[in-house]
């Protein structure tokens, strides 16, 4: 019961964003998280648009496995453009919201786990591409070779992008955790209190 009360008091104080009249750095950390997401989505959208246009043009002007490579790039990046567009709309909504520190910590953890899951999916895309390319070479199948090369190419780009994004968020999450770690619970003869160490 005492632990639950402590957690409730701590969370309530964190939502206030001020300890002993000192403003914590919560807003800037939240803005940084959203800015990292925005940069990631802009890069994904630009990559997707460039590959969608280039893939569509090149697919109609090439033959063999190259034609399938460009086709898959166009298909794949149509999805990337849609994801980037929906993500940017979601960010617009999040910018209007006010996040308390407890919610920010939760959002940060979920985002980092999501990015790790994405890197696993990126590795699966690359592995699938290697399998398709090997099968295409073995069976002399241009479609498998082209699609396989495209999956390797696109998966590799997404893997690098997601890892860079993950490490940027991890750095922001560490700064958020540092803010939480500066909070100290003190119990004395006059009562209990929460202080913030600078």
Protein backbone atom coordinates (compact mmCIF):
# COMPACT_ATOMS: atom_id res chain seq x y z
CA UNK A 1 0.00 0.00 0.00
CA UNK A 2 2.82 2.39 0.90
CA UNK A 3 4.54 1.66 -2.40
CA UNK A 4 1.35 2.41 -4.37
CA UNK A 5 0.91 5.66 -2.45
CA UNK A 6 4.52 6.63 -3.18
CA UNK A 7 4.08 5.88 -6.89
CA UNK A 8 0.86 7.90 -6.96
CA UNK A 9 2.49 10.90 -5.25
CA UNK A 10 5.56 10.71 -7.46
CA UNK A 11 3.46 10.46 -10.62
CA UNK A 12 1.26 13.35 -9.50
CA UNK A 13 4.29 15.53 -8.87
CA UNK A 14 5.82 14.55 -12.19
CA UNK A 15 2.67 15.61 -13.98
CA UNK A 16 3.04 19.04 -12.44
CA UNK A 17 6.44 19.40 -14.11
CA UNK A 18 7.83 21.56 -11.29
CA UNK A 19 9.63 20.62 -8.11
CA UNK A 20 10.43 23.34 -5.53
CA UNK A 21 9.56 26.02 -8.10
CA UNK A 22 12.11 24.71 -10.62
CA UNK A 23 10.78 23.84 -14.07
CA UNK A 24 11.95 20.49 -15.37
CA UNK A 25 13.06 19.94 -18.94
CA UNK A 26 10.07 17.75 -19.87
CA UNK A 27 8.70 19.89 -22.70
CA UNK A 28 11.99 20.11 -24.57
CA UNK A 29 12.49 16.34 -24.28
CA UNK A 30 9.01 15.71 -25.64
CA UNK A 31 9.58 18.16 -28.50
CA UNK A 32 12.87 16.44 -29.26
CA UNK A 33 11.12 13.04 -29.43
CA UNK A 34 8.55 14.42 -31.87
CA UNK A 35 11.26 16.16 -33.93
CA UNK A 36 13.23 12.91 -34.26
CA UNK A 37 10.04 11.23 -35.49
CA UNK A 38 9.37 14.04 -37.95
CA UNK A 39 12.89 13.83 -39.42
CA UNK A 40 12.56 10.05 -39.73
CA UNK A 41 9.23 10.35 -41.54
CA UNK A 42 10.50 13.07 -43.90
CA UNK A 43 13.48 10.91 -44.84
CA UNK A 44 11.23 7.88 -45.34
CA UNK A 45 8.78 9.93 -47.42
CA UNK A 46 11.52 11.46 -49.60
CA UNK A 47 13.15 8.06 -50.13
CA UNK A 48 9.78 6.56 -50.92
CA UNK A 49 8.77 9.28 -53.39
CA UNK A 50 12.13 9.14 -55.19
CA UNK A 51 12.01 5.34 -55.47
CA UNK A 52 8.35 5.35 -56.50
CA UNK A 53 9.02 7.76 -59.37
CA UNK A 54 12.34 6.22 -60.40
CA UNK A 55 11.01 2.67 -60.10
CA UNK A 56 7.95 3.44 -62.20
CA UNK A 57 9.99 5.08 -64.95
CA UNK A 58 12.80 2.52 -64.96
CA UNK A 59 10.47 -0.49 -64.86
CA UNK A 60 8.93 0.56 -68.18
CA UNK A 61 12.36 1.13 -69.75
CA UNK A 62 14.15 -2.06 -68.70
CA UNK A 63 14.02 -5.82 -69.22
CA UNK A 64 14.85 -8.97 -67.32
CA UNK A 65 15.55 -8.91 -63.60
CA UNK A 66 16.17 -5.12 -63.70
CA UNK A 67 12.52 -4.59 -64.70
CA UNK A 68 11.32 -6.58 -61.68
CA UNK A 69 13.82 -4.82 -59.42
CA UNK A 70 12.38 -1.42 -60.37
CA UNK A 71 8.80 -2.70 -60.17
CA UNK A 72 9.30 -3.93 -56.61
CA UNK A 73 11.00 -0.65 -55.66
CA UNK A 74 7.94 1.23 -56.91
CA UNK A 75 5.48 -1.08 -55.10
CA UNK A 76 7.47 -1.07 -51.88
CA UNK A 77 7.85 2.67 -51.79
CA UNK A 78 4.22 3.36 -52.52
CA UNK A 79 3.68 1.80 -49.09
CA UNK A 80 6.55 3.83 -47.59
CA UNK A 81 5.03 7.08 -48.87
CA UNK A 82 1.67 6.13 -47.35
CA UNK A 83 3.30 5.25 -44.01
CA UNK A 84 5.24 8.54 -43.97
CA UNK A 85 2.10 10.55 -44.82
CA UNK A 86 -0.01 8.89 -42.12
CA UNK A 87 2.83 9.24 -39.62
CA UNK A 88 3.15 12.97 -40.30
CA UNK A 89 -0.60 13.39 -39.82
CA UNK A 90 -0.30 11.56 -36.51
CA UNK A 91 2.55 13.85 -35.45
CA UNK A 92 0.41 16.88 -36.21
CA UNK A 93 -2.15 15.51 -33.76
CA UNK A 94 0.53 14.73 -31.12
CA UNK A 95 1.93 18.26 -31.33
CA UNK A 96 -1.44 19.55 -30.15
CA UNK A 97 -1.45 17.21 -27.14
CA UNK A 98 0.14 17.91 -23.79
CA UNK A 99 2.22 15.05 -22.46
CA UNK A 100 3.04 14.67 -18.79
CA UNK A 101 6.36 13.09 -17.84
CA UNK A 102 4.81 9.74 -16.91
CA UNK A 103 3.13 9.55 -20.32
CA UNK A 104 6.35 10.67 -22.03
CA UNK A 105 8.30 7.85 -20.37
CA UNK A 106 5.67 5.36 -21.54
CA UNK A 107 5.66 6.79 -25.09
CA UNK A 108 9.47 6.63 -25.16
CA UNK A 109 9.57 2.98 -24.09
CA UNK A 110 6.90 1.92 -26.58
CA UNK A 111 8.67 3.77 -29.40
CA UNK A 112 12.05 2.20 -28.66
CA UNK A 113 10.50 -1.30 -28.56
CA UNK A 114 8.66 -0.60 -31.81
CA UNK A 115 11.90 0.47 -33.51
CA UNK A 116 13.67 -2.69 -32.34
CA UNK A 117 10.80 -4.73 -33.77
CA UNK A 118 11.16 -2.80 -37.03
CA UNK A 119 14.88 -3.59 -37.25
CA UNK A 120 13.98 -7.27 -36.88
CA UNK A 121 11.49 -6.93 -39.73
CA UNK A 122 14.13 -5.15 -41.83
CA UNK A 123 16.50 -8.06 -41.28
CA UNK A 124 13.68 -10.42 -42.33
CA UNK A 125 13.19 -8.40 -45.56
CA UNK A 126 16.90 -8.72 -46.34
CA UNK A 127 16.86 -12.46 -45.59
CA UNK A 128 13.80 -12.96 -47.80
CA UNK A 129 15.53 -10.99 -50.54
CA UNK A 130 18.63 -13.18 -50.29
CA UNK A 131 16.45 -16.28 -50.50
CA UNK A 132 14.55 -14.97 -53.56
CA UNK A 133 17.74 -13.90 -55.32
CA UNK A 134 19.41 -17.27 -54.70
CA UNK A 135 16.30 -19.09 -55.94
CA UNK A 136 16.15 -16.82 -58.99
CA UNK A 137 19.80 -17.51 -59.82
CA UNK A 138 19.37 -21.25 -59.30
CA UNK A 139 16.19 -21.46 -61.42
CA UNK A 140 17.15 -18.67 -63.84
CA UNK A 141 14.01 -16.74 -62.83
CA UNK A 142 14.28 -13.00 -63.54
CA UNK A 143 11.31 -12.13 -61.37
CA UNK A 144 12.78 -13.77 -58.26
CA UNK A 145 16.19 -12.23 -58.92
CA UNK A 146 14.74 -8.73 -59.39
CA UNK A 147 12.35 -8.91 -56.45
CA UNK A 148 15.10 -10.40 -54.27
CA UNK A 149 17.56 -7.63 -55.13
CA UNK A 150 14.90 -5.03 -54.41
CA UNK A 151 14.09 -6.52 -51.00
CA UNK A 152 17.80 -6.57 -50.11
CA UNK A 153 18.19 -2.95 -51.23
CA UNK A 154 15.05 -1.61 -49.55
CA UNK A 155 15.50 -3.69 -46.40
CA UNK A 156 19.09 -2.48 -46.02
CA UNK A 157 18.02 1.15 -46.29
CA UNK A 158 15.23 0.66 -43.75
CA UNK A 159 17.56 -1.19 -41.38
CA UNK A 160 20.04 1.70 -41.36
CA UNK A 161 17.26 4.29 -41.05
CA UNK A 162 15.56 2.47 -38.18
CA UNK A 163 18.85 1.91 -36.31
CA UNK A 164 19.79 5.59 -36.59
CA UNK A 165 16.29 6.51 -35.45
CA UNK A 166 16.48 4.03 -32.54
CA UNK A 167 19.82 5.39 -31.27
CA UNK A 168 18.56 8.98 -31.51
CA UNK A 169 15.50 8.02 -29.46
CA UNK A 170 17.60 6.05 -27.01
CA UNK A 171 19.73 9.17 -26.39
CA UNK A 172 16.56 11.21 -25.81
CA UNK A 173 15.22 8.46 -23.52
CA UNK A 174 18.44 8.55 -21.49
CA UNK A 175 18.04 12.31 -21.02
CA UNK A 176 14.46 11.70 -19.88
CA UNK A 177 15.62 9.01 -17.45
CA UNK A 178 18.32 11.37 -16.13
CA UNK A 179 15.57 13.88 -15.29
CA UNK A 180 13.68 11.18 -13.39
CA UNK A 181 16.85 10.05 -11.59
CA UNK A 182 17.38 13.59 -10.28
CA UNK A 183 14.21 13.26 -8.25
CA UNK A 184 14.96 12.15 -4.70
CA UNK A 185 12.53 11.00 -2.02
CA UNK A 186 13.52 12.26 1.44
CA UNK A 187 12.07 11.19 4.76
CA UNK A 188 12.91 13.21 7.88
CA UNK A 189 11.59 14.04 11.31
CA UNK A 190 9.33 16.74 9.88
CA UNK A 191 7.80 14.54 7.20
CA UNK A 192 8.55 13.33 3.68
CA UNK A 193 9.24 15.24 0.49
CA UNK A 194 10.42 14.99 -3.05
CA UNK A 195 13.41 17.09 -4.13
CA UNK A 196 15.08 17.66 -7.45
CA UNK A 197 18.88 17.52 -7.65
CA UNK A 198 20.46 19.92 -10.16
